[in-house]
Protein backbone atom coordinates (compact mmCIF):
# COMPACT_ATOMS: atom_id res chain seq x y z
CA MET A 1 108.16 59.80 73.25
CA LEU A 2 104.94 61.78 73.64
CA LEU A 3 101.62 60.04 73.26
CA PRO A 4 100.09 60.82 69.83
CA LEU A 5 97.02 62.72 70.98
CA PRO A 6 95.61 65.40 68.64
CA LEU A 7 96.24 68.99 69.81
CA PHE A 8 94.52 72.21 68.76
CA PRO A 9 97.02 75.07 69.29
CA ASP A 10 94.93 78.25 69.51
CA ARG A 11 91.85 76.92 71.26
CA TYR A 12 93.92 74.55 73.41
CA VAL A 13 96.30 77.25 74.63
CA ASN A 14 93.68 79.95 75.18
CA THR A 15 91.36 77.59 77.06
CA PHE A 16 94.20 76.41 79.26
CA ILE A 17 95.30 79.97 80.09
CA PHE A 18 91.75 81.01 80.90
CA LEU A 19 91.27 78.11 83.29
CA PHE A 20 94.74 78.17 84.81
CA LYS A 21 94.47 81.81 85.82
CA ARG A 22 91.36 80.95 87.80
CA GLY A 23 92.87 78.07 89.73
CA GLU A 24 91.04 75.41 87.76
CA LEU A 25 94.00 73.39 86.57
CA VAL A 26 92.38 70.11 87.60
CA LEU A 27 89.27 70.86 85.57
CA CYS A 28 91.42 71.81 82.61
CA LEU A 29 93.33 68.54 82.72
CA CYS A 30 90.13 66.52 83.01
CA LEU A 31 88.62 68.37 80.06
CA ASP A 32 91.76 67.88 78.03
CA LEU A 33 91.82 64.19 78.88
CA ALA A 34 88.17 63.80 77.92
CA ILE A 35 88.81 65.41 74.54
CA GLY A 36 91.77 63.17 73.91
CA LEU A 37 89.84 60.02 74.84
CA SER A 38 86.86 60.96 72.69
CA LEU A 39 88.94 61.71 69.59
CA ALA A 40 91.45 58.91 69.89
CA PRO A 41 90.63 55.27 69.00
CA PRO A 42 91.03 52.59 71.68
CA PHE A 43 94.64 52.26 72.73
CA PRO A 44 95.28 48.65 71.62
CA THR A 45 93.96 49.45 68.12
CA ARG A 46 96.18 52.52 67.93
CA ILE A 47 99.27 50.50 68.80
CA GLY A 48 98.53 47.96 66.17
CA ALA A 49 97.68 50.56 63.52
CA THR A 50 100.51 53.05 63.96
CA ARG A 51 103.28 50.93 65.50
CA ILE A 52 104.98 54.13 66.65
CA TRP A 53 105.98 52.90 70.09
CA SER A 54 109.01 50.82 70.62
CA SER A 55 108.80 47.58 72.52
CA GLY A 56 111.03 49.19 75.13
CA PHE A 57 108.37 51.80 75.87
CA GLN A 58 105.69 49.11 76.00
CA ILE A 59 107.73 47.08 78.46
CA ALA A 60 108.39 50.19 80.58
CA ALA A 61 104.66 50.86 80.65
CA GLY A 62 104.03 47.27 81.71
CA LEU A 63 102.34 46.21 78.48
CA GLY A 64 104.81 43.77 77.04
CA PRO A 65 105.57 43.47 73.31
CA ALA A 66 102.94 44.73 70.87
CA ARG A 67 102.38 41.27 69.40
CA HIS A 68 100.87 40.11 72.67
CA LEU A 69 98.33 42.90 72.56
CA LEU A 70 97.24 42.01 69.05
CA GLN A 71 96.45 38.40 69.78
CA ARG A 72 92.80 37.74 69.02
CA ASP A 73 92.29 35.52 72.02
CA GLN A 74 93.25 38.29 74.46
CA PRO A 75 90.10 39.41 76.31
CA ALA A 76 88.85 42.93 75.64
CA ARG A 77 88.53 43.37 79.38
CA SER A 78 92.28 42.94 79.77
CA ALA A 79 92.93 45.75 77.28
CA SER A 80 90.58 48.05 79.14
CA MET A 81 92.32 47.27 82.42
CA MET A 82 95.70 48.01 80.86
CA TRP A 83 94.39 51.31 79.54
CA GLY A 84 92.95 52.37 82.88
CA THR A 85 95.68 51.13 85.20
CA LYS A 86 98.83 51.53 83.12
CA LEU A 87 98.54 54.21 80.46
CA LEU A 88 96.10 56.59 82.12
CA PRO A 89 98.71 57.76 84.68
CA VAL A 90 101.28 58.07 81.89
CA LEU A 91 98.87 60.18 79.84
CA LEU A 92 98.04 62.41 82.78
CA LEU A 93 101.70 62.92 83.64
CA GLN A 94 102.46 63.80 80.04
CA HIS A 95 99.83 66.51 79.93
CA VAL A 96 100.92 67.99 83.24
CA LEU A 97 104.47 68.27 81.90
CA LEU A 98 103.17 69.71 78.63
CA HIS A 99 101.22 72.42 80.46
CA LEU A 100 104.22 73.32 82.59
CA LEU A 101 106.39 73.59 79.49
CA LEU A 102 103.84 75.83 77.77
CA LEU A 103 103.35 78.21 80.70
CA PRO A 104 106.42 80.44 80.11
CA VAL A 105 105.30 80.95 76.51
CA THR A 106 101.52 81.02 76.64
CA ILE A 107 100.95 83.20 79.69
CA PRO A 108 103.17 86.13 78.53
CA TYR A 109 101.72 85.76 75.03
CA ALA A 110 98.16 86.04 76.32
CA GLU A 111 99.04 88.98 78.56
CA GLY A 112 100.75 90.69 75.65
CA GLN A 113 97.69 90.18 73.46
CA LYS A 114 95.51 91.67 76.18
CA LYS A 115 97.76 94.70 76.55
CA ARG A 116 97.67 95.38 72.82
CA ARG A 117 93.89 95.69 72.80
CA ASN A 118 91.70 98.69 73.56
CA THR A 119 94.35 101.43 73.49
CA LEU A 120 92.01 104.02 71.98
CA HIS A 121 90.31 104.42 75.37
CA GLU A 122 93.41 106.28 76.57
CA PHE A 123 92.73 109.16 74.18
CA LYS A 124 90.31 112.08 74.16
CA LYS A 125 88.66 112.46 70.76
CA SER A 126 87.90 115.82 69.12
CA ALA A 127 85.95 115.24 65.91
CA LYS A 128 86.68 117.32 62.80
CA THR A 129 89.76 118.78 64.47
CA THR A 130 93.46 118.83 63.67
CA LEU A 131 96.59 120.47 65.04
CA THR A 132 98.90 122.79 63.14
CA LYS A 133 102.35 123.72 64.40
CA GLU A 134 103.60 127.29 64.40
CA ASP A 135 107.03 126.27 65.67
CA PRO A 136 109.06 124.76 62.77
CA LEU A 137 111.23 122.82 65.22
CA LEU A 138 108.32 120.63 66.31
CA LYS A 139 108.43 117.19 64.68
CA ILE A 140 105.63 115.23 63.04
CA LYS A 141 105.57 111.60 61.91
CA SER A 142 103.05 110.38 59.31
CA LYS A 143 102.16 106.99 57.86
CA LYS A 144 99.28 105.30 56.10
CA MET A 145 97.13 103.28 58.53
CA ASN A 146 93.73 101.60 58.27
CA SER A 147 92.11 102.83 61.48
CA ALA A 148 92.41 105.11 64.48
CA ASP A 149 92.92 102.01 66.65
CA GLU A 150 96.14 101.21 64.79
CA CYS A 151 97.29 104.81 65.19
CA ALA A 152 96.59 104.63 68.94
CA ASN A 153 98.55 101.39 69.32
CA ARG A 154 101.63 102.92 67.75
CA CYS A 155 101.29 106.13 69.74
CA ILE A 156 101.01 104.31 73.08
CA ARG A 157 103.96 102.05 72.32
CA ASN A 158 105.99 104.82 70.56
CA LYS A 159 106.87 102.20 67.97
CA GLY A 160 108.95 103.67 65.17
CA LEU A 161 108.55 107.21 66.49
CA PRO A 162 111.56 109.46 67.23
CA PHE A 163 109.68 111.16 70.07
CA THR A 164 107.19 110.53 72.88
CA CYS A 165 103.77 110.54 71.27
CA LYS A 166 101.24 112.78 73.03
CA ALA A 167 98.55 113.02 70.35
CA PHE A 168 97.69 112.02 66.80
CA VAL A 169 95.33 112.99 64.01
CA PHE A 170 93.63 110.38 61.86
CA ASP A 171 92.80 111.41 58.30
CA LYS A 172 89.67 109.39 57.55
CA THR A 173 89.70 110.23 53.84
CA ARG A 174 93.31 109.32 53.09
CA LYS A 175 93.56 106.67 55.84
CA ARG A 176 96.67 108.31 57.24
CA CYS A 177 98.00 108.92 60.76
CA HIS A 178 99.91 111.98 61.92
CA TRP A 179 101.64 111.52 65.30
CA PHE A 180 102.70 114.51 67.41
CA PRO A 181 105.09 115.02 70.36
CA PHE A 182 102.72 117.81 71.45
CA ASN A 183 99.01 118.37 72.07
CA SER A 184 96.51 121.21 71.98
CA MET A 185 97.88 122.59 75.26
CA SER A 186 101.46 122.89 73.99
CA SER A 187 102.97 126.23 73.04
CA GLY A 188 103.50 126.89 69.34
CA VAL A 189 100.45 124.80 68.41
CA LYS A 190 96.92 125.75 67.41
CA LYS A 191 93.76 123.84 66.57
CA GLY A 192 92.35 123.65 63.07
CA PHE A 193 89.09 122.45 61.51
CA GLY A 194 88.67 119.73 58.91
CA HIS A 195 85.83 117.32 58.12
CA GLU A 196 88.26 114.52 57.36
CA PHE A 197 90.28 114.82 60.57
CA ASP A 198 89.80 113.44 64.08
CA LEU A 199 92.16 114.55 66.84
CA TYR A 200 93.07 112.08 69.61
CA GLU A 201 95.00 113.38 72.63
CA ASN A 202 96.52 111.13 75.29
CA LYS A 203 94.48 111.84 78.43
CA ASP A 204 97.47 111.45 80.72
CA TYR A 205 99.00 114.63 79.26
CA ILE A 206 95.89 116.81 79.43
CA ARG A 207 94.28 115.60 82.67
CA ASN A 208 94.37 118.13 85.54
CA CYS A 209 93.64 115.53 88.21
CA ILE A 210 94.94 112.11 89.25
CA ILE A 211 93.44 108.64 89.45
CA GLY A 212 94.42 106.50 92.41
CA LYS A 213 98.09 107.05 93.27
CA GLY A 214 98.65 109.19 90.19
CA SER A 215 101.29 106.94 88.63
CA SER A 216 99.90 107.71 85.16
CA TYR A 217 99.80 111.48 85.69
CA LYS A 218 101.79 113.34 83.00
CA GLY A 219 100.48 116.87 83.46
CA THR A 220 102.45 120.08 83.85
CA VAL A 221 102.09 120.94 87.55
CA SER A 222 105.58 121.87 88.83
CA ILE A 223 104.87 123.35 92.27
CA THR A 224 104.75 121.39 95.52
CA LYS A 225 101.92 121.46 98.02
CA SER A 226 103.62 124.20 100.05
CA GLY A 227 104.38 126.28 96.96
CA ILE A 228 108.04 125.34 96.37
CA LYS A 229 109.21 125.14 92.77
CA CYS A 230 110.23 121.64 91.66
CA GLN A 231 113.80 120.67 90.76
CA PRO A 232 114.27 119.35 87.19
CA TRP A 233 114.53 115.55 87.08
CA SER A 234 117.69 115.72 84.96
CA SER A 235 119.42 118.01 87.47
CA MET A 236 121.41 117.06 90.57
CA ILE A 237 121.22 120.52 92.10
CA PRO A 238 120.37 121.10 94.87
CA HIS A 239 119.55 117.41 95.52
CA GLU A 240 121.33 114.37 94.09
CA HIS A 241 119.05 111.45 93.19
CA SER A 242 118.70 108.35 91.03
CA PHE A 243 115.41 109.24 89.32
CA LEU A 244 116.89 109.90 85.90
CA PRO A 245 114.65 110.01 82.81
CA SER A 246 116.79 107.30 81.20
CA SER A 247 116.21 104.98 84.17
CA TYR A 248 112.43 105.41 84.18
CA ARG A 249 111.40 105.19 80.56
CA GLY A 250 107.69 105.65 80.01
CA LYS A 251 107.29 107.64 83.25
CA ASP A 252 107.78 110.97 81.45
CA LEU A 253 110.28 112.46 83.89
CA GLN A 254 110.46 115.64 81.85
CA GLU A 255 111.29 119.19 82.92
CA ASN A 256 110.41 119.64 86.60
CA TYR A 257 106.86 118.28 86.45
CA CYS A 258 105.36 116.40 89.40
CA ARG A 259 105.43 112.64 88.88
CA ASN A 260 105.01 109.38 90.78
CA PRO A 261 107.32 106.97 88.91
CA ARG A 262 107.15 104.20 91.52
CA GLY A 263 103.43 104.46 92.27
CA GLU A 264 103.98 105.37 95.92
CA GLU A 265 101.35 106.48 98.39
CA GLY A 266 100.69 110.20 98.50
CA GLY A 267 100.51 110.81 94.76
CA PRO A 268 102.82 112.77 92.42
CA TRP A 269 105.81 114.50 94.00
CA CYS A 270 109.12 116.11 93.07
CA PHE A 271 112.50 117.08 94.45
CA THR A 272 112.35 120.73 95.43
CA SER A 273 114.53 123.70 94.52
CA ASN A 274 114.87 124.45 98.24
CA PRO A 275 118.14 122.96 99.61
CA GLU A 276 116.46 122.51 103.00
CA VAL A 277 113.53 120.45 101.64
CA ARG A 278 114.59 117.38 99.65
CA TYR A 279 111.20 116.41 98.22
CA GLU A 280 107.51 117.08 98.69
CA VAL A 281 104.18 115.92 97.27
CA CYS A 282 102.27 118.13 94.87
CA ASP A 283 98.75 119.42 95.38
CA ILE A 284 96.95 117.61 92.55
CA PRO A 285 93.35 116.62 93.34
CA GLN A 286 91.75 113.24 92.73
CA CYS A 287 89.50 113.20 89.66
CA SER A 288 86.69 111.87 91.86
CA GLU A 289 86.98 115.06 93.95
CA VAL A 290 87.00 117.41 90.96
CA GLU A 291 84.01 115.90 89.19
CA CYS A 292 80.48 116.32 90.53
CA MET A 293 76.93 115.55 89.46
CA THR A 294 73.36 116.53 90.27
CA CYS A 295 70.47 114.18 91.03
CA ASN A 296 71.25 110.76 89.52
CA GLY A 297 73.79 112.12 87.04
CA GLU A 298 71.74 111.81 83.85
CA SER A 299 72.97 115.26 82.85
CA TYR A 300 76.60 114.56 83.80
CA ARG A 301 78.98 115.25 80.89
CA GLY A 302 82.34 115.23 82.69
CA PRO A 303 85.50 113.28 81.75
CA MET A 304 85.47 110.62 84.50
CA ASP A 305 86.63 107.44 82.75
CA HIS A 306 87.23 105.00 85.63
CA THR A 307 84.82 103.04 87.79
CA GLU A 308 84.62 103.21 91.57
CA SER A 309 86.89 100.14 91.83
CA GLY A 310 89.50 101.68 89.51
CA LYS A 311 88.65 99.79 86.31
CA THR A 312 89.09 101.67 83.03
CA CYS A 313 85.89 102.31 81.10
CA GLN A 314 85.21 100.86 77.66
CA ARG A 315 84.62 103.32 74.83
CA TRP A 316 80.97 103.77 73.94
CA ASP A 317 81.78 103.48 70.23
CA HIS A 318 83.46 100.09 70.77
CA GLN A 319 81.86 96.67 71.17
CA THR A 320 84.77 94.92 72.89
CA PRO A 321 85.06 93.37 75.35
CA HIS A 322 81.31 93.93 75.94
CA ARG A 323 78.64 94.33 73.28
CA HIS A 324 75.94 96.91 74.01
CA LYS A 325 73.19 99.00 72.46
CA PHE A 326 74.31 102.47 73.60
CA LEU A 327 75.90 103.62 70.36
CA PRO A 328 76.83 107.32 70.00
CA GLU A 329 75.14 107.61 66.61
CA ARG A 330 71.94 106.11 67.98
CA TYR A 331 71.83 108.36 71.06
CA PRO A 332 73.51 111.64 70.02
CA ASP A 333 72.08 113.53 73.01
CA LYS A 334 73.46 111.17 75.70
CA GLY A 335 77.01 112.52 75.62
CA PHE A 336 78.67 109.23 74.67
CA ASP A 337 82.10 110.82 74.25
CA ASP A 338 85.13 108.54 74.38
CA ASN A 339 84.83 106.23 77.42
CA TYR A 340 83.38 108.67 79.96
CA CYS A 341 80.92 107.63 82.66
CA ARG A 342 77.32 108.33 81.74
CA ASN A 343 73.79 107.45 82.88
CA PRO A 344 71.71 106.93 79.74
CA ASP A 345 69.15 104.56 81.25
CA GLY A 346 68.17 106.19 84.54
CA LYS A 347 70.31 104.14 86.92
CA PRO A 348 70.98 105.55 90.43
CA ARG A 349 74.21 107.20 89.19
CA PRO A 350 76.62 107.31 86.21
CA TRP A 351 78.26 104.07 85.12
CA CYS A 352 80.20 102.57 82.24
CA TYR A 353 81.14 99.29 80.61
CA THR A 354 84.61 98.17 81.70
CA LEU A 355 87.65 96.77 79.93
CA ASP A 356 87.57 93.78 82.28
CA PRO A 357 85.98 90.86 80.38
CA ASP A 358 84.65 89.49 83.69
CA THR A 359 82.99 92.77 84.75
CA PRO A 360 80.43 94.02 82.20
CA TRP A 361 79.79 97.35 83.94
CA GLU A 362 80.28 99.26 87.17
CA TYR A 363 79.19 102.51 88.76
CA CYS A 364 81.58 105.47 88.77
CA SER A 365 82.63 107.41 91.86
CA ILE A 366 81.35 110.94 91.25
CA LYS A 367 80.39 113.15 94.17
CA MET A 368 77.27 115.28 94.35
CA CYS A 369 77.67 118.94 93.46
CA GLY A 370 77.23 121.42 96.29
CA ILE A 371 73.69 122.70 96.69
CA ILE A 372 73.35 126.47 96.64
CA LYS A 373 70.83 127.42 99.30
CA THR A 374 68.34 130.12 98.42
CA PRO A 375 67.80 132.74 101.18
CA SER A 376 64.43 132.36 102.86
CA TRP A 377 63.49 135.95 102.08
CA ASN A 378 64.09 135.33 98.37
CA LYS A 379 61.94 132.21 98.06
CA GLY A 380 59.06 132.50 95.68
CA GLN A 381 60.45 135.58 93.97
């Protein structure tokens, strides 16, 4: 039978996960033990008051029948010695077992909670903009939602949607979401204007560069580095393969677009339409190579949204996980769009707040723009 110590589910579980992930299990157990000791009455009193332990358990713990503990002539020192030498190891063992039993449930739960937060940073926002379809075959899904964050969560997870969500429009007046399997770059679609609408497009589908190994790239490049046209992923001609769209859900193995479904070195690639060349990487530049800045980057307004260590930036219009003063409405001239790197306070180069709770902010890796040299004969003119 478990010892009757009071437990606090939410705080207890979250604190344990936080400490366990940092290798501080011993500290966690000591803290947990201290809380239990401070909230629980002395052990002999508890036995006499609750009588929840059988005499068999007391004998196994080396305490003897409960009536011996309740005798008035028993010294208080003896009770303290029993508590320290007999039940303390039992208590510690119980909590170790409890933590081990909770791990398979609490760790995935905490990771899942973390993954469900901050999904709006994956979208590019276009204020007062909507999309209208000219092709009647294109599908749209609509539902009443309270915020753009909720719309983004459903779009990222494709929950309840009969298609892969690439963009959505949030109607601020009617509190309604409209999810699309297309974006502003798709054929048969055009942009529209409306004060009540905000358009959010998944950056992975409109980005013309890659970040890191390019595993999140979902653009439309379909030519290899040497200029060979890519083979469709659903085709086995001219090359047979196992990279079927059904086997790599979420990797967007559509058409014959360059992809990196396994996150391999070299970046996005594809099987080629040349029978003599099985596969080849595609010539898609790193975003850090495409973007550039001048001076210390105070005027930089590009779409770099990752730090130099690869961390995703926090949106400027959000206060989680880090609270800050750089609000878009307070500084309308600082270019606080989405979660792009900026330099509003004169630091050496652009930076951003990160989605890592343990890293408030980091610099971004943006190269200097090439300097155009003025001919010596033209100086001063």
